[in-house]
């Protein structure tokens, strides 16, 4: 057994006043399969780059294996895929490469095609098998499932179940549950490692959070009670002390020694209460530091007077005059939440674009009610630019509502003036989602809205949809999300 040892890791970006990590220490067994989770912008990719030695840091990271990062950059993409595998893992034989591809339910034929002509899922498979075939390495796998269809994700699950020795960054709860045996979570104030899958970690997290919330409330009440009692006791002590100089009704002096003794007892009791208050405050300050305050998101949908909103009968998208999937028929009524699922490249996004009015060739009929107000989240974030103020103005979104929505999704106020192009993909996707959720619409059309979005935000979005019941038609590969919110599922086949 070999161990990766991280001791007193401290890191901050140049020009930043705050540390991303501070005095972080833990050990990782190189046979573990770890899921790395945390809010967008919390430092997951930064942590991987620190392990890779790409940034200077304080503390130590010691290891007996080499770190390799997925996805790595392929410089000459016009080479055959097998050339790329041989470059990364030069000592393996062809039969070993084919065996790895078989584990991913992929045909060996893709090895002899140019890398740039492979689909996104096929490229991911080539990169992964290259790194696992290399040997004596510990893989840092950064969000491998983005844009992958459900079938390809399940192929990755089966493959990774046969492997060990990696950290996997993913926001797909179902994927994590099936693959990992430990969770490493980047929290507000520390990095924590627990044995088990995501659901086990979530149960433990909820239990700890609930305990801390209950304990915090109990201490708050205790502190208030003790402060009142301490104040009253101190006042009584002061009054008793002053009464030493009074006289009785008969004109004789009071027993000053007795009164002084009583006053001192009260003052001592007050001091004891103050010490208890300080102890309670200290205990209270150690609570809630890692409790994520996930405020509820609010959606204000508009119900259309027209029903159904959309009718499709025998619909088929055509590329080069050829249908790309079997005929489908469906209706979208007020309150429906419809998921479109199917393999990558089968035309899911094209259906959404057709509903939006784009010029796409198709067979069958599609009727969309007139005057529908539609809010759209695109799959791509490449068009985003400027800061949030400029973005909200360009998109006619109320700036205060839009920014409040982003704060609830975990975006820090310090990010507000940053150029959106400099933000992470998760932050960019939150901008598109916050814009859409802030809009009042009859129909919300979302194309892979959850790519790069952290788990906590996914849960917030699920809860908002279930509470406010907007009409949604969406393409998504997160099976947990689909199971929780979809009222209908349209399966595309060919």
Protein backbone atom coordinates (compact mmCIF):
# COMPACT_ATOMS: atom_id res chain seq x y z
CA UNK A 1 0.00 0.00 0.00
CA UNK A 2 1.29 3.46 -0.89
CA UNK A 3 0.01 6.76 0.42
CA UNK A 4 -0.32 10.31 -0.86
CA UNK A 5 0.41 12.60 2.09
CA UNK A 6 -0.78 16.21 2.12
CA UNK A 7 0.49 18.20 5.11
CA UNK A 8 -0.26 21.83 6.05
CA UNK A 9 -1.22 22.74 2.47
CA UNK A 10 -1.80 26.49 2.19
CA UNK A 11 -2.47 28.30 -1.08
CA UNK A 12 -3.73 31.63 -2.34
CA UNK A 13 -3.74 33.17 -5.80
CA UNK A 14 -1.44 36.09 -6.49
CA UNK A 15 -3.18 39.33 -5.60
CA UNK A 16 -5.86 37.62 -3.51
CA UNK A 17 -6.32 38.49 0.17
CA UNK A 18 -7.87 35.14 1.09
CA UNK A 19 -6.42 31.65 1.11
CA UNK A 20 -8.12 29.05 -1.05
CA UNK A 21 -6.76 26.35 1.29
CA UNK A 22 -5.22 26.85 4.74
CA UNK A 23 -3.21 24.27 6.70
CA UNK A 24 -4.98 21.33 5.03
CA UNK A 25 -3.66 17.87 6.01
CA UNK A 26 -4.81 14.36 5.07
CA UNK A 27 -3.64 11.00 3.65
CA UNK A 28 -4.96 9.17 0.57
CA UNK A 29 -4.44 5.46 -0.09
CA UNK A 30 -3.48 5.09 -3.76
CA UNK A 31 -5.93 2.17 -4.11
CA UNK A 32 -8.92 4.37 -3.23
CA UNK A 33 -11.49 5.61 -5.71
CA UNK A 34 -12.32 9.10 -4.48
CA UNK A 35 -15.13 11.40 -5.57
CA UNK A 36 -14.14 15.08 -5.24
CA UNK A 37 -17.10 17.36 -4.58
CA UNK A 38 -17.69 20.99 -3.65
CA UNK A 39 -19.47 24.17 -4.72
CA UNK A 40 -18.47 25.75 -8.02
CA UNK A 41 -15.53 28.07 -7.40
CA UNK A 42 -14.61 26.27 -4.16
CA UNK A 43 -11.26 25.09 -5.59
CA UNK A 44 -11.66 21.54 -6.97
CA UNK A 45 -9.65 22.08 -10.16
CA UNK A 46 -7.19 24.27 -8.21
CA UNK A 47 -6.64 21.38 -5.80
CA UNK A 48 -5.93 19.00 -8.69
CA UNK A 49 -3.43 21.46 -10.16
CA UNK A 50 -1.71 21.76 -6.78
CA UNK A 51 -1.29 17.98 -6.73
CA UNK A 52 0.16 18.23 -10.23
CA UNK A 53 2.66 20.84 -9.02
CA UNK A 54 1.39 23.58 -11.35
CA UNK A 55 1.19 26.19 -8.55
CA UNK A 56 3.55 27.16 -5.77
CA UNK A 57 2.20 26.46 -2.30
CA UNK A 58 3.14 26.20 1.35
CA UNK A 59 3.22 22.81 3.01
CA UNK A 60 4.18 19.44 1.55
CA UNK A 61 2.71 16.86 -0.84
CA UNK A 62 4.58 13.55 -0.87
CA UNK A 63 3.75 10.57 -3.11
CA UNK A 64 5.21 7.39 -4.55
CA UNK A 65 3.16 7.48 -7.77
CA UNK A 66 2.90 9.89 -10.70
CA UNK A 67 -0.18 12.09 -11.08
CA UNK A 68 -1.87 12.23 -14.48
CA UNK A 69 -4.67 14.63 -15.37
CA UNK A 70 -7.75 13.88 -17.45
CA UNK A 71 -8.62 15.32 -19.90
CA UNK A 72 -5.14 16.02 -21.26
CA UNK A 73 -4.53 18.15 -24.33
CA UNK A 74 -3.99 16.33 -27.62
CA UNK A 75 -1.67 18.49 -29.70
CA UNK A 76 -2.02 16.85 -33.10
CA UNK A 77 -5.65 15.78 -33.37
CA UNK A 78 -5.31 14.63 -36.98
CA UNK A 79 -3.35 11.56 -35.93
CA UNK A 80 -5.03 8.16 -35.60
CA UNK A 81 -6.33 7.42 -32.13
CA UNK A 82 -4.00 4.44 -31.67
CA UNK A 83 -1.00 6.74 -32.17
CA UNK A 84 -2.16 8.86 -29.24
CA UNK A 85 -2.59 5.77 -27.04
CA UNK A 86 0.89 4.53 -28.00
CA UNK A 87 2.41 7.92 -27.21
CA UNK A 88 0.98 7.96 -23.67
CA UNK A 89 1.45 4.23 -23.00
CA UNK A 90 4.34 3.16 -25.28
CA UNK A 91 4.93 -0.25 -23.72
CA UNK A 92 1.47 -1.77 -24.19
CA UNK A 93 0.49 -4.15 -26.96
CA UNK A 94 -2.46 -3.78 -29.32
CA UNK A 95 -4.41 -6.61 -27.68
CA UNK A 96 -4.24 -4.75 -24.35
CA UNK A 97 -5.60 -1.58 -25.96
CA UNK A 98 -8.45 -3.49 -27.60
CA UNK A 99 -9.25 -5.20 -24.28
CA UNK A 100 -9.58 -1.78 -22.58
CA UNK A 101 -11.91 -0.55 -25.32
CA UNK A 102 -14.03 -3.69 -24.96
CA UNK A 103 -14.44 -2.85 -21.28
CA UNK A 104 -15.97 0.44 -22.45
CA UNK A 105 -18.28 -1.34 -24.94
CA UNK A 106 -16.45 0.36 -27.78
CA UNK A 107 -15.32 -1.14 -31.09
CA UNK A 108 -11.61 -1.35 -31.87
CA UNK A 109 -12.38 0.32 -35.20
CA UNK A 110 -12.17 3.76 -33.57
CA UNK A 111 -8.45 3.23 -32.96
CA UNK A 112 -7.80 3.56 -36.67
CA UNK A 113 -9.70 6.80 -37.22
CA UNK A 114 -8.30 10.30 -36.80
CA UNK A 115 -8.83 11.57 -33.28
CA UNK A 116 -10.53 14.78 -34.48
CA UNK A 117 -13.15 12.68 -36.34
CA UNK A 118 -14.22 10.81 -33.21
CA UNK A 119 -17.31 11.80 -31.23
CA UNK A 120 -16.87 13.49 -27.85
CA UNK A 121 -17.64 10.22 -26.06
CA UNK A 122 -15.16 8.27 -28.20
CA UNK A 123 -12.44 10.85 -27.55
CA UNK A 124 -13.02 10.56 -23.80
CA UNK A 125 -12.67 6.78 -24.02
CA UNK A 126 -9.35 7.05 -25.90
CA UNK A 127 -7.94 9.51 -23.36
CA UNK A 128 -9.04 7.41 -20.39
CA UNK A 129 -7.68 4.08 -21.61
CA UNK A 130 -4.38 5.78 -22.52
CA UNK A 131 -3.88 6.96 -18.92
CA UNK A 132 -4.99 3.71 -17.28
CA UNK A 133 -2.74 1.67 -19.60
CA UNK A 134 0.23 3.87 -18.70
CA UNK A 135 0.46 2.32 -15.21
CA UNK A 136 2.06 3.37 -11.89
CA UNK A 137 0.01 6.53 -11.87
CA UNK A 138 -2.81 8.05 -9.86
CA UNK A 139 -5.42 9.66 -12.10
CA UNK A 140 -7.02 13.04 -11.49
CA UNK A 141 -10.21 12.76 -13.56
CA UNK A 142 -11.89 16.16 -13.96
CA UNK A 143 -15.62 16.06 -14.83
CA UNK A 144 -15.59 13.29 -17.46
CA UNK A 145 -19.38 13.08 -17.85
CA UNK A 146 -20.21 16.58 -19.11
CA UNK A 147 -22.08 16.35 -22.44
CA UNK A 148 -22.09 12.52 -22.30
CA UNK A 149 -25.37 10.68 -22.87
CA UNK A 150 -26.72 8.26 -20.26
CA UNK A 151 -25.56 5.13 -22.12
CA UNK A 152 -21.97 6.38 -22.37
CA UNK A 153 -22.02 7.40 -18.70
CA UNK A 154 -23.08 3.89 -17.78
CA UNK A 155 -20.22 2.50 -19.91
CA UNK A 156 -17.83 4.69 -17.88
CA UNK A 157 -19.38 3.40 -14.65
CA UNK A 158 -18.70 -0.22 -15.65
CA UNK A 159 -15.14 0.67 -16.71
CA UNK A 160 -14.20 2.65 -13.59
CA UNK A 161 -15.64 -0.06 -11.36
CA UNK A 162 -12.86 -2.31 -12.67
CA UNK A 163 -10.18 0.33 -11.88
CA UNK A 164 -8.68 1.88 -8.75
CA UNK A 165 -6.39 4.72 -7.81
CA UNK A 166 -8.06 7.95 -8.88
CA UNK A 167 -9.77 11.14 -7.81
CA UNK A 168 -12.95 11.78 -9.80
CA UNK A 169 -14.48 15.28 -9.96
CA UNK A 170 -18.17 14.90 -10.74
CA UNK A 171 -21.49 16.55 -9.92
CA UNK A 172 -23.52 13.54 -11.07
CA UNK A 173 -24.84 11.94 -7.88
CA UNK A 174 -25.86 8.70 -9.55
CA UNK A 175 -22.45 8.38 -11.22
CA UNK A 176 -20.59 9.00 -7.95
CA UNK A 177 -22.73 6.49 -6.07
CA UNK A 178 -21.91 3.75 -8.56
CA UNK A 179 -18.16 4.42 -8.88
CA UNK A 180 -16.42 5.78 -5.77
CA UNK A 181 -15.58 4.26 -2.37
CA UNK A 182 -14.48 7.52 -0.67
CA UNK A 183 -15.62 11.14 -0.85
CA UNK A 184 -13.24 14.07 -0.54
CA UNK A 185 -15.25 17.25 0.01
CA UNK A 186 -13.96 20.79 -0.21
CA UNK A 187 -15.94 22.64 2.45
CA UNK A 188 -16.03 26.28 3.53
CA UNK A 189 -13.15 25.91 5.97
CA UNK A 190 -11.50 22.53 5.37
CA UNK A 191 -11.09 19.45 3.19
CA UNK A 192 -12.73 16.34 4.58
CA UNK A 193 -12.39 12.67 3.55
CA UNK A 194 -15.02 10.06 4.35
CA UNK A 195 -15.37 6.39 3.44
CA UNK A 196 -18.37 5.52 1.28
CA UNK A 197 -20.16 6.89 -1.78
CA UNK A 198 -21.97 10.19 -2.26
CA UNK A 199 -25.25 9.10 -0.65
CA UNK A 200 -23.37 7.93 2.46
CA UNK A 201 -21.52 11.26 2.60
CA UNK A 202 -24.78 13.19 2.15
CA UNK A 203 -26.46 11.31 5.00
CA UNK A 204 -23.52 12.02 7.31
CA UNK A 205 -23.41 15.67 6.19
CA UNK A 206 -27.13 16.17 6.81
CA UNK A 207 -26.84 14.53 10.23
CA UNK A 208 -23.86 16.74 11.20
CA UNK A 209 -25.50 19.89 9.85
CA UNK A 210 -28.73 19.21 11.73
CA UNK A 211 -26.80 18.54 14.95
CA UNK A 212 -24.86 21.81 14.58
CA UNK A 213 -28.00 23.80 13.78
CA UNK A 214 -29.76 22.38 16.85
CA UNK A 215 -26.71 22.92 19.07
CA UNK A 216 -26.27 26.45 17.73
CA UNK A 217 -29.85 27.35 18.59
CA UNK A 218 -29.52 25.82 22.08
CA UNK A 219 -26.31 27.80 22.73
CA UNK A 220 -27.91 31.00 21.42
CA UNK A 221 -30.74 30.62 23.95
CA UNK A 222 -28.27 29.72 26.73
CA UNK A 223 -26.13 32.77 25.99
CA UNK A 224 -29.18 35.09 26.04
CA UNK A 225 -30.39 33.58 29.33
CA UNK A 226 -26.95 33.78 30.96
CA UNK A 227 -26.39 37.36 29.78
CA UNK A 228 -29.68 38.45 31.35
CA UNK A 229 -28.93 36.54 34.58
CA UNK A 230 -25.34 37.89 34.74
CA UNK A 231 -26.55 41.46 34.21
CA UNK A 232 -29.25 41.12 36.87
CA UNK A 233 -26.83 39.52 39.34
CA UNK A 234 -24.26 42.28 38.79
CA UNK A 235 -26.96 44.93 39.33
CA UNK A 236 -28.09 43.24 42.54
CA UNK A 237 -24.51 43.02 43.76
CA UNK A 238 -24.06 46.73 43.11
CA UNK A 239 -27.27 47.62 44.95
CA UNK A 240 -26.36 45.41 47.92
CA UNK A 241 -22.87 46.95 48.07
CA UNK A 242 -24.34 50.47 48.17
CA UNK A 243 -26.76 49.46 50.95
CA UNK A 244 -23.76 49.05 53.36
CA UNK A 245 -23.92 52.77 54.01
CA UNK A 246 -27.64 52.85 54.85
CA UNK A 247 -29.09 52.92 58.34
CA UNK A 248 -31.97 50.93 59.83
CA UNK A 249 -35.30 52.52 60.77
CA UNK A 250 -34.08 52.75 64.38
CA UNK A 251 -31.08 54.78 63.25
CA UNK A 252 -28.45 52.09 63.92
CA UNK A 253 -25.85 51.06 61.30
CA UNK A 254 -26.41 47.97 59.16
CA UNK A 255 -24.09 44.95 59.35
CA UNK A 256 -21.60 46.02 56.67
CA UNK A 257 -19.54 42.83 56.90
CA UNK A 258 -22.56 40.64 56.17
CA UNK A 259 -23.74 42.87 53.31
CA UNK A 260 -20.22 42.95 51.80
CA UNK A 261 -20.08 39.18 51.96
CA UNK A 262 -23.45 38.89 50.17
CA UNK A 263 -22.36 41.41 47.54
CA UNK A 264 -19.12 39.50 46.87
CA UNK A 265 -21.06 36.22 46.50
CA UNK A 266 -23.34 37.83 43.92
CA UNK A 267 -20.40 39.32 42.03
CA UNK A 268 -18.63 35.95 42.04
CA UNK A 269 -21.79 34.33 40.67
CA UNK A 270 -21.89 36.98 37.94
CA UNK A 271 -18.24 36.27 37.01
CA UNK A 272 -18.99 32.52 36.79
CA UNK A 273 -21.89 33.30 34.43
CA UNK A 274 -19.62 35.47 32.29
CA UNK A 275 -17.14 32.58 32.02
CA UNK A 276 -19.97 30.26 30.98
CA UNK A 277 -21.05 32.82 28.38
CA UNK A 278 -17.51 33.02 26.98
CA UNK A 279 -17.31 29.22 26.80
CA UNK A 280 -20.70 29.00 25.06
CA UNK A 281 -19.69 31.72 22.57
CA UNK A 282 -16.45 29.86 21.84
CA UNK A 283 -18.35 26.60 21.32
CA UNK A 284 -20.93 28.38 19.15
CA UNK A 285 -18.19 29.89 16.96
CA UNK A 286 -16.97 26.39 16.05
CA UNK A 287 -20.39 25.47 14.66
CA UNK A 288 -21.97 26.04 11.22
CA UNK A 289 -18.62 26.82 9.56
CA UNK A 290 -19.21 24.10 6.97
CA UNK A 291 -22.99 24.28 6.80
CA UNK A 292 -23.89 25.39 3.28
CA UNK A 293 -26.74 27.83 3.52
CA UNK A 294 -28.69 26.87 0.41
CA UNK A 295 -31.40 29.52 0.23
CA UNK A 296 -34.44 28.60 -1.80
CA UNK A 297 -34.65 29.68 -5.42
CA UNK A 298 -37.89 31.20 -6.65
CA UNK A 299 -39.40 30.70 -10.10
CA UNK A 300 -42.45 32.73 -11.19
CA UNK A 301 -43.85 30.90 -14.22
CA UNK A 302 -46.66 32.29 -16.37
CA UNK A 303 -49.53 29.93 -17.12
CA UNK A 304 -50.65 30.14 -20.71
CA UNK A 305 -54.34 30.40 -21.55
CA UNK A 306 -53.63 28.02 -24.41
CA UNK A 307 -53.38 24.31 -23.78
CA UNK A 308 -51.55 22.32 -25.08
CA UNK A 309 -48.62 24.64 -25.69
CA UNK A 310 -46.95 22.30 -28.19
CA UNK A 311 -48.22 19.42 -30.32
CA UNK A 312 -45.82 17.14 -32.23
CA UNK A 313 -47.09 14.33 -34.45
CA UNK A 314 -44.79 11.94 -36.29
CA UNK A 315 -41.91 14.37 -35.79
CA UNK A 316 -38.48 13.53 -37.24
CA UNK A 317 -35.50 15.87 -37.56
CA UNK A 318 -33.71 15.47 -40.92
CA UNK A 319 -30.03 15.90 -41.75
CA UNK A 320 -29.20 15.80 -45.47
CA UNK A 321 -32.84 14.81 -46.12
CA UNK A 322 -32.50 11.71 -43.94
CA UNK A 323 -34.44 11.28 -40.65
CA UNK A 324 -32.05 10.87 -37.73
CA UNK A 325 -34.48 9.29 -35.25
CA UNK A 326 -37.71 7.29 -35.28
CA UNK A 327 -41.00 9.21 -35.38
CA UNK A 328 -42.12 10.74 -32.09
CA UNK A 329 -45.44 12.27 -31.03
CA UNK A 330 -46.04 14.28 -27.87
CA UNK A 331 -47.88 17.20 -26.29
CA UNK A 332 -46.61 19.83 -23.88
CA UNK A 333 -49.32 21.04 -21.50
CA UNK A 334 -49.20 23.64 -18.73
CA UNK A 335 -47.22 22.19 -15.81
CA UNK A 336 -45.51 19.44 -17.82
CA UNK A 337 -41.83 18.82 -17.23
CA UNK A 338 -40.60 16.87 -20.21
CA UNK A 339 -37.14 15.30 -20.52
CA UNK A 340 -35.77 14.42 -23.96
CA UNK A 341 -33.23 11.61 -23.74
CA UNK A 342 -31.17 9.63 -26.23
CA UNK A 343 -27.65 9.09 -27.52
CA UNK A 344 -25.37 12.00 -28.33
CA UNK A 345 -25.89 13.27 -31.88
CA UNK A 346 -29.39 11.85 -32.22
CA UNK A 347 -31.05 15.29 -32.44
CA UNK A 348 -32.19 16.20 -28.91
CA UNK A 349 -30.93 19.79 -29.10
CA UNK A 350 -32.35 20.12 -32.62
CA UNK A 351 -35.87 19.48 -31.28
CA UNK A 352 -35.44 22.33 -28.80
CA UNK A 353 -34.11 24.66 -31.52
CA UNK A 354 -37.01 23.73 -33.79
CA UNK A 355 -39.49 24.68 -31.04
CA UNK A 356 -37.60 27.97 -30.66
CA UNK A 357 -38.25 28.70 -34.35
CA UNK A 358 -34.87 27.90 -35.92
CA UNK A 359 -34.84 26.79 -39.54
CA UNK A 360 -34.36 23.03 -39.15
CA UNK A 361 -35.55 20.43 -41.66
CA UNK A 362 -38.08 17.90 -40.36
CA UNK A 363 -40.87 15.46 -41.19
CA UNK A 364 -44.25 15.34 -39.50
CA UNK A 365 -46.03 18.23 -37.82
CA UNK A 366 -45.08 20.60 -35.01
CA UNK A 367 -47.50 23.20 -33.67
CA UNK A 368 -46.35 25.78 -31.12
CA UNK A 369 -48.95 28.08 -29.54
CA UNK A 370 -48.71 31.72 -30.56
CA UNK A 371 -47.38 34.42 -28.24
CA UNK A 372 -45.63 32.02 -25.87
CA UNK A 373 -43.05 33.67 -23.68
CA UNK A 374 -40.09 31.27 -23.70
CA UNK A 375 -36.98 31.34 -21.50
CA UNK A 376 -34.03 29.47 -22.99
CA UNK A 377 -30.79 28.08 -21.54
CA UNK A 378 -28.36 27.11 -24.27
CA UNK A 379 -25.83 24.31 -24.03
CA UNK A 380 -22.96 26.65 -24.91
CA UNK A 381 -21.52 29.45 -22.77
CA UNK A 382 -19.14 30.77 -25.43
CA UNK A 383 -21.28 33.84 -26.16
CA UNK A 384 -21.03 35.18 -22.59
CA UNK A 385 -18.96 38.34 -22.09
CA UNK A 386 -18.78 41.52 -20.01
CA UNK A 387 -19.63 41.73 -16.31
CA UNK A 388 -22.91 40.82 -14.64
CA UNK A 389 -24.27 44.38 -14.73
CA UNK A 390 -23.73 44.55 -18.49
CA UNK A 391 -25.16 41.06 -18.98
CA UNK A 392 -28.37 41.82 -17.06
CA UNK A 393 -28.86 45.06 -19.01
CA UNK A 394 -28.32 43.37 -22.39
CA UNK A 395 -30.80 40.62 -21.49
CA UNK A 396 -33.45 42.87 -19.88
CA UNK A 397 -33.20 41.08 -16.54
CA UNK A 398 -33.72 42.95 -13.27
CA UNK A 399 -30.15 43.25 -12.00
CA UNK A 400 -30.92 43.00 -8.27
CA UNK A 401 -33.07 39.88 -8.68
CA UNK A 402 -30.53 38.31 -11.04
CA UNK A 403 -27.59 38.91 -8.68
CA UNK A 404 -29.58 37.73 -5.64
CA UNK A 405 -30.30 34.50 -7.52
CA UNK A 406 -26.59 34.02 -8.22
CA UNK A 407 -25.67 34.61 -4.57
CA UNK A 408 -28.17 31.92 -3.58
CA UNK A 409 -26.45 29.61 -6.08
CA UNK A 410 -23.13 30.18 -4.31
CA UNK A 411 -21.54 32.92 -6.45
CA UNK A 412 -19.51 35.27 -4.25
CA UNK A 413 -20.12 39.04 -4.38
CA UNK A 414 -16.42 39.44 -5.20
CA UNK A 415 -17.11 37.85 -8.61
CA UNK A 416 -19.67 40.45 -9.68
CA UNK A 417 -17.25 42.81 -11.43
CA UNK A 418 -15.20 40.05 -13.05
CA UNK A 419 -15.36 39.56 -16.81
CA UNK A 420 -17.62 36.54 -17.37
CA UNK A 421 -15.09 35.08 -19.80
CA UNK A 422 -12.69 34.69 -16.85
CA UNK A 423 -15.18 32.68 -14.79
CA UNK A 424 -15.30 28.89 -14.51
CA UNK A 425 -17.67 26.90 -16.70
CA UNK A 426 -19.82 26.15 -13.65
CA UNK A 427 -20.13 29.86 -12.85
CA UNK A 428 -21.00 30.65 -16.48
CA UNK A 429 -23.71 28.01 -16.49
CA UNK A 430 -25.13 29.46 -13.28
CA UNK A 431 -25.38 32.85 -15.01
CA UNK A 432 -27.51 31.31 -17.77
CA UNK A 433 -29.68 29.46 -15.25
CA UNK A 434 -30.09 32.49 -12.96
CA UNK A 435 -31.17 34.59 -15.96
CA UNK A 436 -33.75 31.98 -16.94
CA UNK A 437 -35.08 31.43 -13.43
CA UNK A 438 -35.35 35.22 -12.96
CA UNK A 439 -37.57 35.50 -16.04
CA UNK A 440 -41.32 35.00 -16.05
CA UNK A 441 -42.17 32.64 -18.88
CA UNK A 442 -44.87 30.26 -20.13
CA UNK A 443 -42.24 27.72 -21.12
CA UNK A 444 -38.66 27.10 -20.01
CA UNK A 445 -36.47 25.35 -22.59
CA UNK A 446 -33.17 24.13 -21.13
CA UNK A 447 -30.45 22.39 -23.14
CA UNK A 448 -28.14 20.41 -20.82
CA UNK A 449 -28.51 23.01 -18.05
CA UNK A 450 -26.56 21.10 -15.41
CA UNK A 451 -23.19 20.67 -17.13
CA UNK A 452 -20.49 21.81 -14.63
CA UNK A 453 -23.16 22.74 -12.03
CA UNK A 454 -22.37 21.62 -8.46
CA UNK A 455 -24.59 19.17 -6.60
CA UNK A 456 -25.97 21.66 -4.06
CA UNK A 457 -27.16 23.97 -6.84
CA UNK A 458 -28.71 21.02 -8.67
CA UNK A 459 -30.70 20.22 -5.53
CA UNK A 460 -31.77 23.88 -5.21
CA UNK A 461 -33.01 23.85 -8.82
CA UNK A 462 -34.88 20.56 -8.29
CA UNK A 463 -36.61 21.92 -5.19
CA UNK A 464 -37.60 25.15 -6.95
CA UNK A 465 -39.06 23.27 -9.94
CA UNK A 466 -41.05 20.92 -7.70
CA UNK A 467 -42.34 23.85 -5.62
CA UNK A 468 -43.27 26.35 -8.36
CA UNK A 469 -44.13 23.82 -11.11
CA UNK A 470 -42.99 25.68 -14.24
CA UNK A 471 -43.60 24.14 -17.65
CA UNK A 472 -40.20 22.83 -18.77
CA UNK A 473 -38.88 20.87 -21.72
CA UNK A 474 -35.25 19.94 -21.27
CA UNK A 475 -32.33 17.82 -22.43
CA UNK A 476 -30.27 16.40 -19.58
CA UNK A 477 -28.15 13.32 -18.79
CA UNK A 478 -28.29 13.50 -14.97
CA UNK A 479 -30.49 10.49 -14.19
CA UNK A 480 -31.18 11.63 -10.62
CA UNK A 481 -32.41 15.03 -11.86
CA UNK A 482 -34.64 13.39 -14.49
CA UNK A 483 -36.12 10.95 -11.97
CA UNK A 484 -36.89 13.75 -9.52
CA UNK A 485 -38.51 16.34 -11.79
CA UNK A 486 -39.64 14.87 -15.13
CA UNK A 487 -43.38 14.18 -15.55
CA UNK A 488 -42.78 12.74 -19.04
CA UNK A 489 -39.73 11.31 -20.81
CA UNK A 490 -39.35 11.33 -24.61
CA UNK A 491 -36.88 8.64 -25.70
CA UNK A 492 -35.25 9.15 -29.09
CA UNK A 493 -34.22 5.98 -30.96
CA UNK A 494 -32.95 5.11 -34.42
